[in-house]
Amino acid sequence: MERRHPGHRQRRGGARGPARSPGRQRGRWRVGEFFRSGRADGLHAQPARGRIGAGGSLPVVGRCDSVIRLRGAPVFAVKPMRPGGSGARRARGFSLVELMVAMVAGLVVGGAVLAFAIASMKSNADYLVSTRLTQDLRSTLDLVTRELRRSGYDEDSLGYISTSSGSDFARLLLDDESATAGEFQCVIFAYDRAGGVVVGGSPEPGNGEIRGFRYATRDGVGVIEYAISSDGVTPACAGDAPDYTDYPASCNAGSGWCALTDPTRLAITEFTIRDRRSGVPTSAPVVQIRELDITLTGDAIGTDEYTRTFASTVRVRSDCFDATLSNCDLTP
C-alpha cells in the first residue's frame, strides 16, 4: 500500500501532488511568506542562528502572545518597532544645567513684566495728576472770565440815556498791584441779579450783587479766593481770609471771602489781571472801554514736575459811562 505524504492530496482526475496553498503547506511555513507577514504586522524580523526541528516553537514578541511553530525553516527573532522610530530615546527629564537656564530665563521674563507693570502704574498716576491740574486751572479761569464779562449789567440801564450820570454797576475796582506796573491781583465788580429791588442803579449786597476775586498766600500755598456780598457784608480786597484749618476751607462770614481753589491739591503761583482800559476822548460824560488780560499759573501739590499756565482776555460787555472818568475805577 502506497504511503501518502500528509501534505499531499489527490487531485481531480486521479493525479497526485502537493496541494497549492497561498502561504503554507500542512505542517510547515514558507520562509518568504512568514517574513512578509511579519512586515505587514509592523514587526521587524531578523534571522537568528540555528534552526529548530519539527515540533520546535519560537515565541513572537509583538502585539500578541501567539507562538509560531516552524518545522525545518530558519529561525527568525521578531522584535516590535518602537513608537516614533527604532532610534527614539527614552525621556530622562531635565538636567541641573537645563533647570538653571530655565530659571534664569523665567526670572528675566518676570522682571521685565514687573518693570512694565510698575512703569504703567507710574505713568497712569502722572497722567491723573496732570489731568486734574489742567482741569482745576481751566475751570477756575473760566469762572473768573464769565463773571467779569457779566460785570456792569444793570436792569435799569436804559434810564441813564438822557442823564449825565452812569450806573454804579459799571464800576470796577482793580487793587493789590503786583511787582509789575499795570498788573493787579484783586478785582471787585458788580452786576444786577434777578430778585433784587431796583434802587436807582445801586448794587444790593443782600442780593449777592457785589463780587470779587483775589490772589493770596495761605500757609505758604497760593490760592484764589472768591467773595459774594450778603446782608451787611461787602467784599473788599483787604478783607479777612477764610478758615483753612479744616478741609474744605470755611468761608469767612465777616468778609465774605471763600476758597476757590483747593490748597491741598493745587498751588497757585501766579494770578494777575492786566489793565487795558481806555477812555474815549469825548466831551463829558465820557465812556470807558474795559478790557482785561488774565494770567493763571499753578503747580500740583507734592511735585514741581507739572506746571500749567492759562491766559484769557476779557472784554467787559458793559462800558462805563460817567461824567468823571475816574469814577469807573471805584468800588461798586
C-alpha atoms as a PDB file:
ATOM      1  CA  MET A   1       0.000   0.000   0.000  1.00  0.00           C
ATOM      2  CA  GLU A   2       1.340   3.379  -1.012  1.00  0.00           C
ATOM      3  CA  ARG A   3       2.106   5.663   1.832  1.00  0.00           C
ATOM      4  CA  ARG A   4       0.939   9.164   1.217  1.00  0.00           C
ATOM      5  CA  HIS A   5       2.628  12.225   2.396  1.00  0.00           C
ATOM      6  CA  PRO A   6       0.476  14.159   4.866  1.00  0.00           C
ATOM      7  CA  GLY A   7       0.851  17.252   2.728  1.00  0.00           C
ATOM      8  CA  HIS A   8      -0.409  15.599  -0.435  1.00  0.00           C
ATOM      9  CA  ARG A   9      -3.898  15.034  -1.608  1.00  0.00           C
ATOM     10  CA  GLN A  10      -5.438  13.569  -4.619  1.00  0.00           C
ATOM     11  CA  ARG A  11      -6.133  15.910  -7.464  1.00  0.00           C
ATOM     12  CA  ARG A  12      -9.085  15.758  -9.724  1.00  0.00           C
ATOM     13  CA  GLY A  13      -8.630  13.136 -12.384  1.00  0.00           C
ATOM     14  CA  GLY A  14      -6.518  10.961 -10.102  1.00  0.00           C
ATOM     15  CA  ALA A  15      -3.326  12.996 -10.208  1.00  0.00           C
ATOM     16  CA  ARG A  16      -1.428  13.254  -7.007  1.00  0.00           C
ATOM     17  CA  GLY A  17       0.860  16.040  -5.926  1.00  0.00           C
ATOM     18  CA  PRO A  18       1.362  18.693  -3.310  1.00  0.00           C
ATOM     19  CA  ALA A  19      -1.674  20.868  -2.667  1.00  0.00           C
ATOM     20  CA  ARG A  20      -1.309  24.529  -3.542  1.00  0.00           C
ATOM     21  CA  SER A  21      -1.581  26.895  -0.666  1.00  0.00           C
ATOM     22  CA  PRO A  22      -1.144  30.713  -0.599  1.00  0.00           C
ATOM     23  CA  GLY A  23       1.475  30.663   2.083  1.00  0.00           C
ATOM     24  CA  ARG A  24       1.809  27.433   3.909  1.00  0.00           C
ATOM     25  CA  GLN A  25       1.732  23.734   3.498  1.00  0.00           C
ATOM     26  CA  ARG A  26       0.463  21.448   6.069  1.00  0.00           C
ATOM     27  CA  GLY A  27       2.871  21.285   8.947  1.00  0.00           C
ATOM     28  CA  ARG A  28       5.275  23.971   7.792  1.00  0.00           C
ATOM     29  CA  TRP A  29       5.573  27.654   6.682  1.00  0.00           C
ATOM     30  CA  ARG A  30       7.225  29.128   3.704  1.00  0.00           C
ATOM     31  CA  VAL A  31      10.029  31.341   4.862  1.00  0.00           C
ATOM     32  CA  GLY A  32       9.201  34.221   2.480  1.00  0.00           C
ATOM     33  CA  GLU A  33       5.558  34.300   3.460  1.00  0.00           C
ATOM     34  CA  PHE A  34       6.496  34.349   7.152  1.00  0.00           C
ATOM     35  CA  PHE A  35       8.882  37.263   6.600  1.00  0.00           C
ATOM     36  CA  ARG A  36       6.262  39.229   4.658  1.00  0.00           C
ATOM     37  CA  SER A  37       3.569  38.532   7.232  1.00  0.00           C
ATOM     38  CA  GLY A  38       5.856  39.927   9.942  1.00  0.00           C
ATOM     39  CA  ARG A  39       6.424  43.088   7.928  1.00  0.00           C
ATOM     40  CA  ALA A  40       2.690  43.504   7.373  1.00  0.00           C
ATOM     41  CA  ASP A  41       2.084  43.280  11.108  1.00  0.00           C
ATOM     42  CA  GLY A  42       4.521  46.121  11.828  1.00  0.00           C
ATOM     43  CA  LEU A  43       7.235  43.811  13.151  1.00  0.00           C
ATOM     44  CA  HIS A  44      10.905  43.752  12.367  1.00  0.00           C
ATOM     45  CA  ALA A  45      12.106  40.233  11.628  1.00  0.00           C
ATOM     46  CA  GLN A  46      15.725  39.367  11.974  1.00  0.00           C
ATOM     47  CA  PRO A  47      17.203  35.923  11.273  1.00  0.00           C
ATOM     48  CA  ALA A  48      18.805  34.146  14.200  1.00  0.00           C
ATOM     49  CA  ARG A  49      21.423  31.483  14.272  1.00  0.00           C
ATOM     50  CA  GLY A  50      20.495  27.840  14.010  1.00  0.00           C
ATOM     51  CA  ARG A  51      17.367  26.003  13.075  1.00  0.00           C
ATOM     52  CA  ILE A  52      14.701  24.283  15.051  1.00  0.00           C
ATOM     53  CA  GLY A  53      13.441  20.942  14.138  1.00  0.00           C
ATOM     54  CA  ALA A  54       9.971  19.544  13.888  1.00  0.00           C
ATOM     55  CA  GLY A  55       7.798  20.423  16.763  1.00  0.00           C
ATOM     56  CA  GLY A  56      10.034  23.390  17.690  1.00  0.00           C
ATOM     57  CA  SER A  57       8.479  26.690  18.672  1.00  0.00           C
ATOM     58  CA  LEU A  58       9.507  30.340  18.588  1.00  0.00           C
ATOM     59  CA  PRO A  59       7.718  32.940  20.754  1.00  0.00           C
ATOM     60  CA  VAL A  60       6.981  36.114  18.829  1.00  0.00           C
ATOM     61  CA  VAL A  61       7.356  39.411  20.707  1.00  0.00           C
ATOM     62  CA  GLY A  62       4.733  41.671  19.166  1.00  0.00           C
ATOM     63  CA  ARG A  63       1.182  42.748  19.586  1.00  0.00           C
ATOM     64  CA  CYS A  64       0.084  39.285  20.552  1.00  0.00           C
ATOM     65  CA  ASP A  65       1.477  36.389  22.530  1.00  0.00           C
ATOM     66  CA  SER A  66       0.995  33.781  19.809  1.00  0.00           C
ATOM     67  CA  VAL A  67       3.545  31.097  19.123  1.00  0.00           C
ATOM     68  CA  ILE A  68       4.688  30.312  15.593  1.00  0.00           C
ATOM     69  CA  ARG A  69       5.658  26.761  15.092  1.00  0.00           C
ATOM     70  CA  LEU A  70       8.269  26.167  12.448  1.00  0.00           C
ATOM     71  CA  ARG A  71       9.472  22.967  11.005  1.00  0.00           C
ATOM     72  CA  GLY A  72      12.620  22.723   9.011  1.00  0.00           C
ATOM     73  CA  ALA A  73      12.840  26.533   8.481  1.00  0.00           C
ATOM     74  CA  PRO A  74      15.317  29.187   9.559  1.00  0.00           C
ATOM     75  CA  VAL A  75      14.675  30.737  12.915  1.00  0.00           C
ATOM     76  CA  PHE A  76      13.559  34.406  12.953  1.00  0.00           C
ATOM     77  CA  ALA A  77      13.627  36.554  16.043  1.00  0.00           C
ATOM     78  CA  VAL A  78      10.779  39.067  15.733  1.00  0.00           C
ATOM     79  CA  LYS A  79      11.040  42.422  17.532  1.00  0.00           C
ATOM     80  CA  PRO A  80       8.358  45.161  17.615  1.00  0.00           C
ATOM     81  CA  MET A  81       9.017  48.637  16.250  1.00  0.00           C
ATOM     82  CA  ARG A  82       9.321  51.296  18.942  1.00  0.00           C
ATOM     83  CA  PRO A  83       6.873  54.187  18.748  1.00  0.00           C
ATOM     84  CA  GLY A  84       8.373  57.098  16.844  1.00  0.00           C
ATOM     85  CA  GLY A  85      11.084  55.039  15.215  1.00  0.00           C
ATOM     86  CA  SER A  86      13.581  52.430  16.266  1.00  0.00           C
ATOM     87  CA  GLY A  87      16.130  55.153  17.284  1.00  0.00           C
ATOM     88  CA  ALA A  88      13.909  57.104  19.659  1.00  0.00           C
ATOM     89  CA  ARG A  89      15.494  57.873  23.010  1.00  0.00           C
ATOM     90  CA  ARG A  90      13.670  57.363  26.230  1.00  0.00           C
ATOM     91  CA  ALA A  91      12.803  60.663  28.051  1.00  0.00           C
ATOM     92  CA  ARG A  92      15.063  61.144  31.039  1.00  0.00           C
ATOM     93  CA  GLY A  93      13.844  64.634  32.346  1.00  0.00           C
ATOM     94  CA  PHE A  94      15.915  67.823  32.704  1.00  0.00           C
ATOM     95  CA  SER A  95      19.461  68.106  33.846  1.00  0.00           C
ATOM     96  CA  LEU A  96      20.606  70.576  36.514  1.00  0.00           C
ATOM     97  CA  VAL A  97      22.075  72.909  33.903  1.00  0.00           C
ATOM     98  CA  GLU A  98      18.848  72.907  31.921  1.00  0.00           C
ATOM     99  CA  LEU A  99      16.849  73.707  35.057  1.00  0.00           C
ATOM    100  CA  MET A 100      19.161  76.601  35.929  1.00  0.00           C
ATOM    101  CA  VAL A 101      18.914  78.024  32.398  1.00  0.00           C
ATOM    102  CA  ALA A 102      15.126  77.771  32.530  1.00  0.00           C
ATOM    103  CA  MET A 103      15.037  79.521  35.922  1.00  0.00           C
ATOM    104  CA  VAL A 104      17.235  82.363  34.653  1.00  0.00           C
ATOM    105  CA  ALA A 105      15.034  82.803  31.590  1.00  0.00           C
ATOM    106  CA  GLY A 106      11.933  82.848  33.800  1.00  0.00           C
ATOM    107  CA  LEU A 107      13.451  85.451  36.121  1.00  0.00           C
ATOM    108  CA  VAL A 108      14.358  87.671  33.171  1.00  0.00           C
ATOM    109  CA  VAL A 109      10.845  87.475  31.732  1.00  0.00           C
ATOM    110  CA  GLY A 110       9.247  88.005  35.154  1.00  0.00           C
ATOM    111  CA  GLY A 111      11.456  91.023  35.848  1.00  0.00           C
ATOM    112  CA  ALA A 112      10.553  92.561  32.515  1.00  0.00           C
ATOM    113  CA  VAL A 113       6.837  92.090  33.182  1.00  0.00           C
ATOM    114  CA  LEU A 114       7.171  93.575  36.687  1.00  0.00           C
ATOM    115  CA  ALA A 115       9.107  96.590  35.389  1.00  0.00           C
ATOM    116  CA  PHE A 116       6.475  97.173  32.718  1.00  0.00           C
ATOM    117  CA  ALA A 117       3.663  96.994  35.285  1.00  0.00           C
ATOM    118  CA  ILE A 118       5.398  99.485  37.613  1.00  0.00           C
ATOM    119  CA  ALA A 119       6.102 101.880  34.736  1.00  0.00           C
ATOM    120  CA  SER A 120       2.478 101.655  33.600  1.00  0.00           C
ATOM    121  CA  MET A 121       1.178 102.423  37.091  1.00  0.00           C
ATOM    122  CA  LYS A 122       3.506 105.421  37.449  1.00  0.00           C
ATOM    123  CA  SER A 123       2.541 106.716  34.018  1.00  0.00           C
ATOM    124  CA  ASN A 124      -1.144 106.391  34.875  1.00  0.00           C
ATOM    125  CA  ALA A 125      -0.673 108.225  38.187  1.00  0.00           C
ATOM    126  CA  ASP A 126       1.262 111.025  36.473  1.00  0.00           C
ATOM    127  CA  TYR A 127      -1.439 111.324  33.847  1.00  0.00           C
ATOM    128  CA  LEU A 128      -4.128 111.670  36.518  1.00  0.00           C
ATOM    129  CA  VAL A 129      -2.147 114.393  38.321  1.00  0.00           C
ATOM    130  CA  SER A 130      -1.561 116.303  35.086  1.00  0.00           C
ATOM    131  CA  THR A 131      -5.196 115.999  34.004  1.00  0.00           C
ATOM    132  CA  ARG A 132      -6.528 117.121  37.394  1.00  0.00           C
ATOM    133  CA  LEU A 133      -4.161 120.108  37.448  1.00  0.00           C
ATOM    134  CA  THR A 134      -5.224 121.155  33.961  1.00  0.00           C
ATOM    135  CA  GLN A 135      -8.907 120.782  34.756  1.00  0.00           C
ATOM    136  CA  ASP A 136      -8.703 122.722  38.047  1.00  0.00           C
ATOM    137  CA  LEU A 137      -6.862 125.664  36.491  1.00  0.00           C
ATOM    138  CA  ARG A 138      -9.096 125.757  33.440  1.00  0.00           C
ATOM    139  CA  SER A 139     -12.326 125.670  35.433  1.00  0.00           C
ATOM    140  CA  THR A 140     -11.035 128.434  37.743  1.00  0.00           C
ATOM    141  CA  LEU A 141     -10.085 130.681  34.842  1.00  0.00           C
ATOM    142  CA  ASP A 142     -13.401 130.010  33.098  1.00  0.00           C
ATOM    143  CA  LEU A 143     -15.320 131.139  36.182  1.00  0.00           C
ATOM    144  CA  VAL A 144     -13.282 134.345  36.505  1.00  0.00           C
ATOM    145  CA  THR A 145     -13.736 135.086  32.791  1.00  0.00           C
ATOM    146  CA  ARG A 146     -17.510 134.561  32.800  1.00  0.00           C
ATOM    147  CA  GLU A 147     -18.064 136.642  35.915  1.00  0.00           C
ATOM    148  CA  LEU A 148     -16.007 139.603  34.663  1.00  0.00           C
ATOM    149  CA  ARG A 149     -17.814 139.612  31.334  1.00  0.00           C
ATOM    150  CA  ARG A 150     -21.117 139.996  33.158  1.00  0.00           C
ATOM    151  CA  SER A 151     -19.894 142.841  35.346  1.00  0.00           C
ATOM    152  CA  GLY A 152     -21.653 146.184  34.868  1.00  0.00           C
ATOM    153  CA  TYR A 153     -25.019 144.756  33.843  1.00  0.00           C
ATOM    154  CA  ASP A 154     -27.923 146.916  35.087  1.00  0.00           C
ATOM    155  CA  GLU A 155     -31.553 146.056  34.553  1.00  0.00           C
ATOM    156  CA  ASP A 156     -32.400 149.786  34.557  1.00  0.00           C
ATOM    157  CA  SER A 157     -29.604 150.803  32.167  1.00  0.00           C
ATOM    158  CA  LEU A 158     -31.985 152.472  29.679  1.00  0.00           C
ATOM    159  CA  GLY A 159     -32.881 155.047  32.338  1.00  0.00           C
ATOM    160  CA  TYR A 160     -29.402 156.617  32.058  1.00  0.00           C
ATOM    161  CA  ILE A 161     -29.571 157.515  28.396  1.00  0.00           C
ATOM    162  CA  SER A 162     -30.821 161.062  28.960  1.00  0.00           C
ATOM    163  CA  THR A 163     -28.752 161.726  32.097  1.00  0.00           C
ATOM    164  CA  SER A 164     -25.135 162.687  32.622  1.00  0.00           C
ATOM    165  CA  SER A 165     -24.527 160.118  35.358  1.00  0.00           C
ATOM    166  CA  GLY A 166     -23.959 156.384  34.982  1.00  0.00           C
ATOM    167  CA  SER A 167     -24.884 153.247  36.876  1.00  0.00           C
ATOM    168  CA  ASP A 168     -22.879 152.194  39.896  1.00  0.00           C
ATOM    169  CA  PHE A 169     -22.863 148.641  38.490  1.00  0.00           C
ATOM    170  CA  ALA A 170     -20.421 149.793  35.799  1.00  0.00           C
ATOM    171  CA  ARG A 171     -17.667 150.490  38.305  1.00  0.00           C
ATOM    172  CA  LEU A 172     -14.810 148.002  38.505  1.00  0.00           C
ATOM    173  CA  LEU A 173     -12.027 148.157  41.097  1.00  0.00           C
ATOM    174  CA  LEU A 174      -8.556 146.715  40.490  1.00  0.00           C
ATOM    175  CA  ASP A 175      -6.328 146.587  43.565  1.00  0.00           C
ATOM    176  CA  ASP A 176      -3.271 144.895  45.104  1.00  0.00           C
ATOM    177  CA  GLU A 177      -0.882 145.884  42.390  1.00  0.00           C
ATOM    178  CA  SER A 178       1.852 143.321  41.848  1.00  0.00           C
ATOM    179  CA  ALA A 179       5.537 143.990  41.263  1.00  0.00           C
ATOM    180  CA  THR A 180       4.825 144.676  37.599  1.00  0.00           C
ATOM    181  CA  ALA A 181       3.161 148.011  36.936  1.00  0.00           C
ATOM    182  CA  GLY A 182      -0.331 147.751  35.487  1.00  0.00           C
ATOM    183  CA  GLU A 183      -0.918 144.203  36.797  1.00  0.00           C
ATOM    184  CA  PHE A 184      -3.271 143.567  39.717  1.00  0.00           C
ATOM    185  CA  GLN A 185      -4.200 140.582  41.884  1.00  0.00           C
ATOM    186  CA  CYS A 186      -7.655 141.596  43.127  1.00  0.00           C
ATOM    187  CA  VAL A 187     -10.813 142.726  41.353  1.00  0.00           C
ATOM    188  CA  ILE A 188     -14.151 143.894  42.810  1.00  0.00           C
ATOM    189  CA  PHE A 189     -17.144 144.178  40.468  1.00  0.00           C
ATOM    190  CA  ALA A 190     -20.935 144.074  40.473  1.00  0.00           C
ATOM    191  CA  TYR A 191     -23.864 143.117  38.238  1.00  0.00           C
ATOM    192  CA  ASP A 192     -27.615 143.244  38.679  1.00  0.00           C
ATOM    193  CA  ARG A 193     -29.306 139.955  39.578  1.00  0.00           C
ATOM    194  CA  ALA A 194     -32.885 138.777  39.404  1.00  0.00           C
ATOM    195  CA  GLY A 195     -34.934 139.132  42.560  1.00  0.00           C
ATOM    196  CA  GLY A 196     -33.459 142.441  43.641  1.00  0.00           C
ATOM    197  CA  VAL A 197     -35.198 145.742  44.136  1.00  0.00           C
ATOM    198  CA  VAL A 198     -34.143 148.467  41.719  1.00  0.00           C
ATOM    199  CA  VAL A 199     -32.905 151.355  43.821  1.00  0.00           C
ATOM    200  CA  GLY A 200     -31.563 153.986  41.474  1.00  0.00           C
ATOM    201  CA  GLY A 201     -28.971 151.686  39.869  1.00  0.00           C
ATOM    202  CA  SER A 202     -27.157 150.864  43.097  1.00  0.00           C
ATOM    203  CA  PRO A 203     -25.987 147.285  43.807  1.00  0.00           C
ATOM    204  CA  GLU A 204     -27.780 145.394  46.580  1.00  0.00           C
ATOM    205  CA  PRO A 205     -25.329 143.485  48.812  1.00  0.00           C
ATOM    206  CA  GLY A 206     -28.127 141.367  50.270  1.00  0.00           C
ATOM    207  CA  ASN A 207     -28.912 140.022  46.789  1.00  0.00           C
ATOM    208  CA  GLY A 208     -25.312 138.952  46.191  1.00  0.00           C
ATOM    209  CA  GLU A 209     -24.709 141.592  43.513  1.00  0.00           C
ATOM    210  CA  ILE A 210     -21.167 142.629  44.583  1.00  0.00           C
ATOM    211  CA  ARG A 211     -18.438 140.053  43.972  1.00  0.00           C
ATOM    212  CA  GLY A 212     -14.672 139.747  43.844  1.00  0.00           C
ATOM    213  CA  PHE A 213     -11.621 137.581  43.081  1.00  0.00           C
ATOM    214  CA  ARG A 214      -8.191 137.828  44.654  1.00  0.00           C
ATOM    215  CA  TYR A 215      -4.871 136.011  44.968  1.00  0.00           C
ATOM    216  CA  ALA A 216      -3.498 135.223  48.437  1.00  0.00           C
ATOM    217  CA  THR A 217      -0.895 133.031  50.121  1.00  0.00           C
ATOM    218  CA  ARG A 218      -2.148 130.795  52.933  1.00  0.00           C
ATOM    219  CA  ASP A 219       0.336 128.671  54.899  1.00  0.00           C
ATOM    220  CA  GLY A 220       2.874 129.032  52.108  1.00  0.00           C
ATOM    221  CA  VAL A 221       0.473 127.914  49.375  1.00  0.00           C
ATOM    222  CA  GLY A 222      -1.007 130.280  46.800  1.00  0.00           C
ATOM    223  CA  VAL A 223      -4.798 130.217  46.447  1.00  0.00           C
ATOM    224  CA  ILE A 224      -7.586 132.010  44.577  1.00  0.00           C
ATOM    225  CA  GLU A 225     -10.419 133.308  46.743  1.00  0.00           C
ATOM    226  CA  TYR A 226     -13.925 134.279  45.703  1.00  0.00           C
ATOM    227  CA  ALA A 227     -16.273 136.650  47.559  1.00  0.00           C
ATOM    228  CA  ILE A 228     -20.032 137.266  47.317  1.00  0.00           C
ATOM    229  CA  SER A 229     -21.791 140.046  49.198  1.00  0.00           C
ATOM    230  CA  SER A 230     -24.574 139.416  51.680  1.00  0.00           C
ATOM    231  CA  ASP A 231     -26.615 141.419  54.168  1.00  0.00           C
ATOM    232  CA  GLY A 232     -24.196 143.759  55.915  1.00  0.00           C
ATOM    233  CA  VAL A 233     -21.148 142.260  54.140  1.00  0.00           C
ATOM    234  CA  THR A 234     -19.407 143.963  51.217  1.00  0.00           C
ATOM    235  CA  PRO A 235     -16.285 142.285  49.783  1.00  0.00           C
ATOM    236  CA  ALA A 236     -13.013 144.225  49.937  1.00  0.00           C
ATOM    237  CA  CYS A 237      -9.546 143.300  48.710  1.00  0.00           C
ATOM    238  CA  ALA A 238      -8.192 143.638  52.253  1.00  0.00           C
ATOM    239  CA  GLY A 239     -10.948 141.503  53.811  1.00  0.00           C
ATOM    240  CA  ASP A 240     -10.230 138.706  56.282  1.00  0.00           C
ATOM    241  CA  ALA A 241      -9.207 135.301  54.949  1.00  0.00           C
ATOM    242  CA  PRO A 242     -11.256 132.094  55.073  1.00  0.00           C
ATOM    243  CA  ASP A 243     -10.533 129.405  57.658  1.00  0.00           C
ATOM    244  CA  TYR A 244      -8.084 126.836  56.220  1.00  0.00           C
ATOM    245  CA  THR A 245      -7.645 124.764  59.385  1.00  0.00           C
ATOM    246  CA  ASP A 246     -10.146 122.170  58.167  1.00  0.00           C
ATOM    247  CA  TYR A 247     -10.900 120.703  54.773  1.00  0.00           C
ATOM    248  CA  PRO A 248     -12.747 122.042  52.907  1.00  0.00           C
ATOM    249  CA  ALA A 249     -11.924 125.578  53.977  1.00  0.00           C
ATOM    250  CA  SER A 250     -14.732 127.536  55.629  1.00  0.00           C
ATOM    251  CA  CYS A 251     -15.864 130.914  54.293  1.00  0.00           C
ATOM    252  CA  ASN A 252     -15.311 133.996  56.398  1.00  0.00           C
ATOM    253  CA  ALA A 253     -18.727 135.249  57.413  1.00  0.00           C
ATOM    254  CA  GLY A 254     -17.411 138.724  58.233  1.00  0.00           C
ATOM    255  CA  SER A 255     -15.674 139.418  54.914  1.00  0.00           C
ATOM    256  CA  GLY A 256     -17.484 137.078  52.539  1.00  0.00           C
ATOM    257  CA  TRP A 257     -14.268 135.540  51.167  1.00  0.00           C
ATOM    258  CA  CYS A 258     -14.192 131.808  50.382  1.00  0.00           C
ATOM    259  CA  ALA A 259     -11.544 129.473  48.984  1.00  0.00           C
ATOM    260  CA  LEU A 260     -11.995 128.892  45.253  1.00  0.00           C
ATOM    261  CA  THR A 261      -9.014 126.584  44.717  1.00  0.00           C
ATOM    262  CA  ASP A 262      -8.023 123.633  46.906  1.00  0.00           C
ATOM    263  CA  PRO A 263      -4.643 124.272  48.608  1.00  0.00           C
ATOM    264  CA  THR A 264      -4.233 120.548  49.323  1.00  0.00           C
ATOM    265  CA  ARG A 265      -4.080 119.686  45.614  1.00  0.00           C
ATOM    266  CA  LEU A 266      -3.219 122.890  43.767  1.00  0.00           C
ATOM    267  CA  ALA A 267      -0.710 125.671  44.405  1.00  0.00           C
ATOM    268  CA  ILE A 268      -1.357 128.919  42.521  1.00  0.00           C
ATOM    269  CA  THR A 269       1.921 130.616  41.655  1.00  0.00           C
ATOM    270  CA  GLU A 270       0.532 133.496  39.589  1.00  0.00           C
ATOM    271  CA  PHE A 271      -2.769 135.306  39.229  1.00  0.00           C
ATOM    272  CA  THR A 272      -2.545 138.670  37.516  1.00  0.00           C
ATOM    273  CA  ILE A 273      -5.066 140.976  35.875  1.00  0.00           C
ATOM    274  CA  ARG A 274      -3.563 143.383  33.398  1.00  0.00           C
ATOM    275  CA  ASP A 275      -5.484 146.611  32.938  1.00  0.00           C
ATOM    276  CA  ARG A 276      -6.056 147.548  29.308  1.00  0.00           C
ATOM    277  CA  ARG A 277      -8.876 150.024  29.871  1.00  0.00           C
ATOM    278  CA  SER A 278      -9.030 153.102  27.715  1.00  0.00           C
ATOM    279  CA  GLY A 279     -11.228 156.179  27.672  1.00  0.00           C
ATOM    280  CA  VAL A 280     -12.914 157.543  24.603  1.00  0.00           C
ATOM    281  CA  PRO A 281     -11.922 161.225  24.144  1.00  0.00           C
ATOM    282  CA  THR A 282     -15.341 162.870  24.035  1.00  0.00           C
ATOM    283  CA  SER A 283     -16.845 165.748  25.920  1.00  0.00           C
ATOM    284  CA  ALA A 284     -18.289 164.936  29.329  1.00  0.00           C
ATOM    285  CA  PRO A 285     -19.715 162.491  30.071  1.00  0.00           C
ATOM    286  CA  VAL A 286     -17.097 160.080  28.750  1.00  0.00           C
ATOM    287  CA  VAL A 287     -17.126 156.339  28.064  1.00  0.00           C
ATOM    288  CA  GLN A 288     -14.522 153.916  29.325  1.00  0.00           C
ATOM    289  CA  ILE A 289     -13.959 150.669  27.433  1.00  0.00           C
ATOM    290  CA  ARG A 290     -12.671 147.860  29.673  1.00  0.00           C
ATOM    291  CA  GLU A 291     -10.501 145.005  28.513  1.00  0.00           C
ATOM    292  CA  LEU A 292      -8.575 142.795  30.921  1.00  0.00           C
ATOM    293  CA  ASP A 293      -5.827 140.206  30.368  1.00  0.00           C
ATOM    294  CA  ILE A 294      -5.884 137.420  32.963  1.00  0.00           C
ATOM    295  CA  THR A 295      -2.999 135.004  33.570  1.00  0.00           C
ATOM    296  CA  LEU A 296      -3.260 131.975  35.858  1.00  0.00           C
ATOM    297  CA  THR A 297      -0.387 129.591  36.693  1.00  0.00           C
ATOM    298  CA  GLY A 298      -0.412 126.655  39.092  1.00  0.00           C
ATOM    299  CA  ASP A 299       1.501 123.571  40.232  1.00  0.00           C
ATOM    300  CA  ALA A 300       0.367 120.237  41.569  1.00  0.00           C
ATOM    301  CA  ILE A 301       0.968 119.820  45.296  1.00  0.00           C
ATOM    302  CA  GLY A 302       3.880 117.495  46.073  1.00  0.00           C
ATOM    303  CA  THR A 303       5.666 117.823  42.739  1.00  0.00           C
ATOM    304  CA  ASP A 304       7.230 120.548  40.633  1.00  0.00           C
ATOM    305  CA  GLU A 305       7.150 118.377  37.535  1.00  0.00           C
ATOM    306  CA  TYR A 306       3.805 119.648  36.319  1.00  0.00           C
ATOM    307  CA  THR A 307       3.128 123.351  35.819  1.00  0.00           C
ATOM    308  CA  ARG A 308       0.329 124.784  33.732  1.00  0.00           C
ATOM    309  CA  THR A 309      -0.325 128.359  32.648  1.00  0.00           C
ATOM    310  CA  PHE A 310      -3.579 129.628  31.167  1.00  0.00           C
ATOM    311  CA  ALA A 311      -4.382 133.075  29.846  1.00  0.00           C
ATOM    312  CA  SER A 312      -7.600 134.767  28.829  1.00  0.00           C
ATOM    313  CA  THR A 313      -8.670 138.181  27.556  1.00  0.00           C
ATOM    314  CA  VAL A 314     -11.933 139.571  28.891  1.00  0.00           C
ATOM    315  CA  ARG A 315     -13.889 142.262  27.095  1.00  0.00           C
ATOM    316  CA  VAL A 316     -16.330 143.679  29.645  1.00  0.00           C
ATOM    317  CA  ARG A 317     -19.592 143.972  27.771  1.00  0.00           C
ATOM    318  CA  SER A 318     -20.911 146.948  29.752  1.00  0.00           C
ATOM    319  CA  ASP A 319     -18.822 150.065  29.197  1.00  0.00           C
ATOM    320  CA  CYS A 320     -18.557 152.614  31.961  1.00  0.00           C
ATOM    321  CA  PHE A 321     -20.437 155.838  31.158  1.00  0.00           C
ATOM    322  CA  ASP A 322     -19.773 158.640  33.612  1.00  0.00           C
ATOM    323  CA  ALA A 323     -19.138 162.377  33.667  1.00  0.00           C
ATOM    324  CA  THR A 324     -15.943 161.754  35.648  1.00  0.00           C
ATOM    325  CA  LEU A 325     -13.779 159.006  34.187  1.00  0.00           C
ATOM    326  CA  SER A 326     -12.063 158.229  37.495  1.00  0.00           C
ATOM    327  CA  ASN A 327     -15.400 157.120  38.971  1.00  0.00           C
ATOM    328  CA  CYS A 328     -15.197 153.984  36.833  1.00  0.00           C
ATOM    329  CA  ASP A 329     -12.278 152.778  38.995  1.00  0.00           C
ATOM    330  CA  LEU A 330     -14.148 152.978  42.297  1.00  0.00           C
ATOM    331  CA  THR A 331     -15.740 150.191  44.320  1.00  0.00           C
ATOM    332  CA  PRO A 332     -19.265 149.383  43.076  1.00  0.00           C
END
